Amino acid sequence: MQLDGFVVVLSLAQTIEQVTSLGILVVALTLATLSVMAWRRERDRRMLVVASAYGLFALYGLIVFLEYFLLPYLGVQTVELLEHGAAILILAGLLAFFSALTGDR
């Protein structure tokens, strides 16, 4: 990655990462919104847990998407720690889905 003033030039791999994480963000936000709408209609606690899990996936997508924009402000070590630490959000989302699947009605 090169920083040319305020313009960030990304490699092919970095561009793929950016586009994929933006896709994760958009899809997860859409699914979270639909899950919240279903929860409001059904009032089933499990739908709220599912919406929260999708919210965690959306937050992960946002963090990875913003990685290269945050580099000039936070530094490489901090941004890398933030990105790799955000994988905990995926783990928490998967556990939330498991909880929703196995929970009692």
Protein backbone atom coordinates (compact mmCIF):
# COMPACT_ATOMS: atom_id res chain seq x y z
CA MET A 1 0.00 0.00 0.00
CA GLN A 2 1.24 3.46 -0.85
CA LEU A 3 0.04 6.72 0.60
CA ASP A 4 0.17 9.45 -2.03
CA GLY A 5 -0.98 12.45 -0.05
CA PHE A 6 -4.60 11.66 0.79
CA VAL A 7 -5.01 9.14 -2.02
CA VAL A 8 -4.62 5.51 -0.97
CA VAL A 9 -3.42 3.16 -3.71
CA LEU A 10 -4.33 -0.44 -2.91
CA SER A 11 -2.96 -3.67 -4.35
CA LEU A 12 -5.30 -6.22 -5.93
CA ALA A 13 -5.41 -8.30 -2.72
CA GLN A 14 -6.20 -5.22 -0.63
CA THR A 15 -8.92 -4.16 -3.06
CA ILE A 16 -10.51 -7.62 -2.87
CA GLU A 17 -10.39 -7.39 0.93
CA GLN A 18 -12.05 -3.97 0.83
CA VAL A 19 -14.82 -5.01 -1.54
CA THR A 20 -15.48 -8.24 0.37
CA SER A 21 -15.65 -6.51 3.74
CA LEU A 22 -17.98 -3.86 2.29
CA GLY A 23 -20.18 -6.71 1.02
CA ILE A 24 -20.16 -8.32 4.48
CA LEU A 25 -21.17 -4.98 5.99
CA VAL A 26 -24.04 -4.40 3.56
CA VAL A 27 -25.41 -7.96 3.67
CA ALA A 28 -25.11 -8.23 7.47
CA LEU A 29 -26.85 -4.87 7.98
CA THR A 30 -29.64 -5.94 5.64
CA LEU A 31 -30.09 -9.27 7.41
CA ALA A 32 -29.94 -7.58 10.82
CA THR A 33 -32.66 -5.15 9.74
CA LEU A 34 -34.85 -7.98 8.47
CA SER A 35 -34.26 -9.92 11.70
CA VAL A 36 -35.24 -6.92 13.83
CA MET A 37 -38.39 -6.52 11.74
CA ALA A 38 -39.20 -10.20 12.30
CA TRP A 39 -38.54 -9.80 16.01
CA ARG A 40 -40.92 -6.84 16.18
CA ARG A 41 -43.59 -8.91 14.46
CA GLU A 42 -43.09 -12.20 16.33
CA ARG A 43 -41.57 -11.01 19.65
CA ASP A 44 -39.42 -14.15 19.71
CA ARG A 45 -36.24 -13.51 21.72
CA ARG A 46 -34.27 -15.75 19.39
CA MET A 47 -34.83 -13.35 16.48
CA LEU A 48 -33.31 -10.58 18.57
CA VAL A 49 -30.27 -12.80 19.23
CA VAL A 50 -29.99 -13.50 15.49
CA ALA A 51 -30.22 -9.76 14.74
CA SER A 52 -27.44 -9.13 17.27
CA ALA A 53 -25.27 -11.78 15.61
CA TYR A 54 -25.75 -10.13 12.24
CA GLY A 55 -24.87 -6.83 13.91
CA LEU A 56 -21.57 -8.32 15.07
CA PHE A 57 -20.82 -9.47 11.51
CA ALA A 58 -21.64 -5.98 10.23
CA LEU A 59 -19.30 -4.42 12.78
CA TYR A 60 -16.53 -6.80 11.67
CA GLY A 61 -17.12 -5.81 8.03
CA LEU A 62 -16.96 -2.12 8.98
CA ILE A 63 -13.69 -2.52 10.88
CA VAL A 64 -12.00 -4.40 8.03
CA PHE A 65 -13.37 -1.95 5.46
CA LEU A 66 -12.01 1.06 7.38
CA GLU A 67 -8.58 -0.53 7.93
CA TYR A 68 -6.72 1.34 5.18
CA PHE A 69 -8.48 4.62 5.89
CA LEU A 70 -7.42 4.48 9.56
CA LEU A 71 -3.74 3.74 8.88
CA PRO A 72 -2.60 7.38 8.65
CA TYR A 73 -4.32 8.22 11.95
CA LEU A 74 -3.73 5.16 14.14
CA GLY A 75 -0.56 3.58 12.78
CA VAL A 76 0.09 0.14 11.36
CA GLN A 77 0.40 -1.77 14.65
CA THR A 78 -2.83 -0.40 16.11
CA VAL A 79 -4.82 -0.98 12.93
CA GLU A 80 -3.51 -4.52 12.52
CA LEU A 81 -4.33 -5.28 16.16
CA LEU A 82 -7.82 -3.86 15.65
CA GLU A 83 -8.40 -5.85 12.47
CA HIS A 84 -7.13 -9.17 13.84
CA GLY A 85 -8.81 -8.62 17.19
CA ALA A 86 -12.10 -8.02 15.41
CA ALA A 87 -12.18 -11.72 14.55
CA ILE A 88 -13.57 -12.10 18.07
CA LEU A 89 -16.76 -10.55 16.66
CA ILE A 90 -17.09 -13.47 14.24
CA LEU A 91 -16.67 -15.94 17.09
CA ALA A 92 -19.27 -14.08 19.19
CA GLY A 93 -21.68 -14.00 16.24
CA LEU A 94 -21.33 -17.74 15.67
CA LEU A 95 -21.93 -18.40 19.37
CA ALA A 96 -25.01 -16.16 19.24
CA PHE A 97 -26.38 -18.15 16.29
CA PHE A 98 -25.75 -21.39 18.20
CA SER A 99 -27.52 -19.94 21.21
CA ALA A 100 -30.52 -18.95 19.07
CA LEU A 101 -30.70 -22.40 17.51
CA THR A 102 -30.52 -24.31 20.76
CA GLY A 103 -32.52 -21.93 22.95
CA ASP A 104 -35.95 -22.75 24.30
CA ARG A 105 -38.98 -20.97 22.95
